[in-house]
């Protein structure tokens, strides 16, 4: 999880970019922080998705084959 300080910094740089503009150093920092944030979001989403089990109205497991294979590859069995 990304720290609150980093999130605050991302928001500050975004606001500054809209009002005053950013220096080259700030643009680089913003890009790095955004990449870190996106990496974290993608990882969290992937973990959440790996715990999903799809069940039809009759109670049958209809989880897509691709998701089941991904769970097996990551040794995540629910």
C-alpha atoms as a PDB file:
ATOM      1  CA  UNK A   1       0.000   0.000   0.000  1.00  0.00           C
ATOM      2  CA  UNK A   2       1.244   3.452  -0.834  1.00  0.00           C
ATOM      3  CA  UNK A   3       1.769   5.814   2.084  1.00  0.00           C
ATOM      4  CA  UNK A   4      -0.513   8.728   2.846  1.00  0.00           C
ATOM      5  CA  UNK A   5       2.439  11.093   2.441  1.00  0.00           C
ATOM      6  CA  UNK A   6       3.023   9.865  -1.106  1.00  0.00           C
ATOM      7  CA  UNK A   7      -0.673  10.166  -1.964  1.00  0.00           C
ATOM      8  CA  UNK A   8      -0.700  13.688  -0.579  1.00  0.00           C
ATOM      9  CA  UNK A   9       2.378  14.501  -2.662  1.00  0.00           C
ATOM     10  CA  UNK A  10       0.748  13.080  -5.816  1.00  0.00           C
ATOM     11  CA  UNK A  11      -2.307  15.259  -5.205  1.00  0.00           C
ATOM     12  CA  UNK A  12      -0.201  18.324  -4.463  1.00  0.00           C
ATOM     13  CA  UNK A  13       1.788  17.906  -7.668  1.00  0.00           C
ATOM     14  CA  UNK A  14      -1.395  17.378  -9.684  1.00  0.00           C
ATOM     15  CA  UNK A  15      -2.913  20.559  -8.283  1.00  0.00           C
ATOM     16  CA  UNK A  16       0.293  22.503  -8.866  1.00  0.00           C
ATOM     17  CA  UNK A  17       0.513  21.192 -12.440  1.00  0.00           C
ATOM     18  CA  UNK A  18      -2.937  22.636 -13.140  1.00  0.00           C
ATOM     19  CA  UNK A  19      -2.247  26.018 -11.587  1.00  0.00           C
ATOM     20  CA  UNK A  20       1.440  26.976 -11.751  1.00  0.00           C
ATOM     21  CA  UNK A  21       3.002  24.214 -13.796  1.00  0.00           C
ATOM     22  CA  UNK A  22       5.766  21.852 -12.708  1.00  0.00           C
ATOM     23  CA  UNK A  23       9.518  22.052 -12.987  1.00  0.00           C
ATOM     24  CA  UNK A  24      11.344  19.246 -14.798  1.00  0.00           C
ATOM     25  CA  UNK A  25      12.340  17.740 -11.426  1.00  0.00           C
ATOM     26  CA  UNK A  26       8.735  17.843 -10.209  1.00  0.00           C
ATOM     27  CA  UNK A  27       7.490  16.290 -13.456  1.00  0.00           C
ATOM     28  CA  UNK A  28       9.926  13.414 -12.994  1.00  0.00           C
ATOM     29  CA  UNK A  29       8.856  12.982  -9.359  1.00  0.00           C
ATOM     30  CA  UNK A  30       5.193  13.036 -10.370  1.00  0.00           C
ATOM     31  CA  UNK A  31       5.769  10.395 -13.038  1.00  0.00           C
ATOM     32  CA  UNK A  32       7.617   8.115 -10.595  1.00  0.00           C
ATOM     33  CA  UNK A  33       4.953   8.512  -7.908  1.00  0.00           C
ATOM     34  CA  UNK A  34       2.169   7.807 -10.389  1.00  0.00           C
ATOM     35  CA  UNK A  35       3.953   4.682 -11.627  1.00  0.00           C
ATOM     36  CA  UNK A  36       4.355   3.443  -8.056  1.00  0.00           C
ATOM     37  CA  UNK A  37       0.689   4.185  -7.344  1.00  0.00           C
ATOM     38  CA  UNK A  38      -0.507   2.363 -10.476  1.00  0.00           C
ATOM     39  CA  UNK A  39       1.720  -0.625  -9.731  1.00  0.00           C
ATOM     40  CA  UNK A  40       0.156  -0.818  -6.276  1.00  0.00           C
ATOM     41  CA  UNK A  41      -3.404  -0.509  -7.623  1.00  0.00           C
ATOM     42  CA  UNK A  42      -2.807  -3.215 -10.234  1.00  0.00           C
ATOM     43  CA  UNK A  43      -1.305  -5.548  -7.648  1.00  0.00           C
ATOM     44  CA  UNK A  44      -4.202  -5.017  -5.252  1.00  0.00           C
ATOM     45  CA  UNK A  45      -6.741  -5.589  -8.019  1.00  0.00           C
ATOM     46  CA  UNK A  46      -4.979  -8.767  -9.127  1.00  0.00           C
ATOM     47  CA  UNK A  47      -4.997 -10.098  -5.557  1.00  0.00           C
ATOM     48  CA  UNK A  48      -8.671  -9.270  -5.196  1.00  0.00           C
ATOM     49  CA  UNK A  49      -9.532 -10.881  -8.516  1.00  0.00           C
ATOM     50  CA  UNK A  50      -7.661 -14.049  -7.583  1.00  0.00           C
ATOM     51  CA  UNK A  51     -10.097 -14.625  -4.733  1.00  0.00           C
ATOM     52  CA  UNK A  52     -13.189 -14.420  -6.944  1.00  0.00           C
ATOM     53  CA  UNK A  53     -15.297 -17.510  -7.493  1.00  0.00           C
ATOM     54  CA  UNK A  54     -18.165 -17.308  -9.967  1.00  0.00           C
ATOM     55  CA  UNK A  55     -21.230 -19.399  -9.125  1.00  0.00           C
ATOM     56  CA  UNK A  56     -24.380 -19.756 -11.227  1.00  0.00           C
ATOM     57  CA  UNK A  57     -27.972 -19.802  -9.923  1.00  0.00           C
ATOM     58  CA  UNK A  58     -27.770 -23.546  -9.256  1.00  0.00           C
ATOM     59  CA  UNK A  59     -24.603 -23.272  -7.172  1.00  0.00           C
ATOM     60  CA  UNK A  60     -22.253 -24.613  -9.832  1.00  0.00           C
ATOM     61  CA  UNK A  61     -18.756 -23.180 -10.031  1.00  0.00           C
ATOM     62  CA  UNK A  62     -18.547 -21.389 -13.387  1.00  0.00           C
ATOM     63  CA  UNK A  63     -15.319 -19.508 -12.734  1.00  0.00           C
ATOM     64  CA  UNK A  64     -13.613 -18.786 -16.076  1.00  0.00           C
ATOM     65  CA  UNK A  65     -10.882 -21.283 -17.007  1.00  0.00           C
ATOM     66  CA  UNK A  66      -8.322 -18.502 -17.364  1.00  0.00           C
ATOM     67  CA  UNK A  67      -8.942 -17.343 -13.779  1.00  0.00           C
ATOM     68  CA  UNK A  68      -8.761 -20.913 -12.451  1.00  0.00           C
ATOM     69  CA  UNK A  69      -5.444 -21.405 -14.270  1.00  0.00           C
ATOM     70  CA  UNK A  70      -4.087 -18.163 -12.822  1.00  0.00           C
ATOM     71  CA  UNK A  71      -5.053 -19.303  -9.328  1.00  0.00           C
ATOM     72  CA  UNK A  72      -3.255 -22.628  -9.867  1.00  0.00           C
ATOM     73  CA  UNK A  73      -0.155 -20.845 -11.164  1.00  0.00           C
ATOM     74  CA  UNK A  74      -0.076 -18.644  -8.087  1.00  0.00           C
ATOM     75  CA  UNK A  75      -0.981 -21.505  -5.725  1.00  0.00           C
ATOM     76  CA  UNK A  76      -4.108 -19.634  -4.687  1.00  0.00           C
ATOM     77  CA  UNK A  77      -6.939 -22.094  -4.330  1.00  0.00           C
ATOM     78  CA  UNK A  78     -10.241 -21.012  -2.776  1.00  0.00           C
END
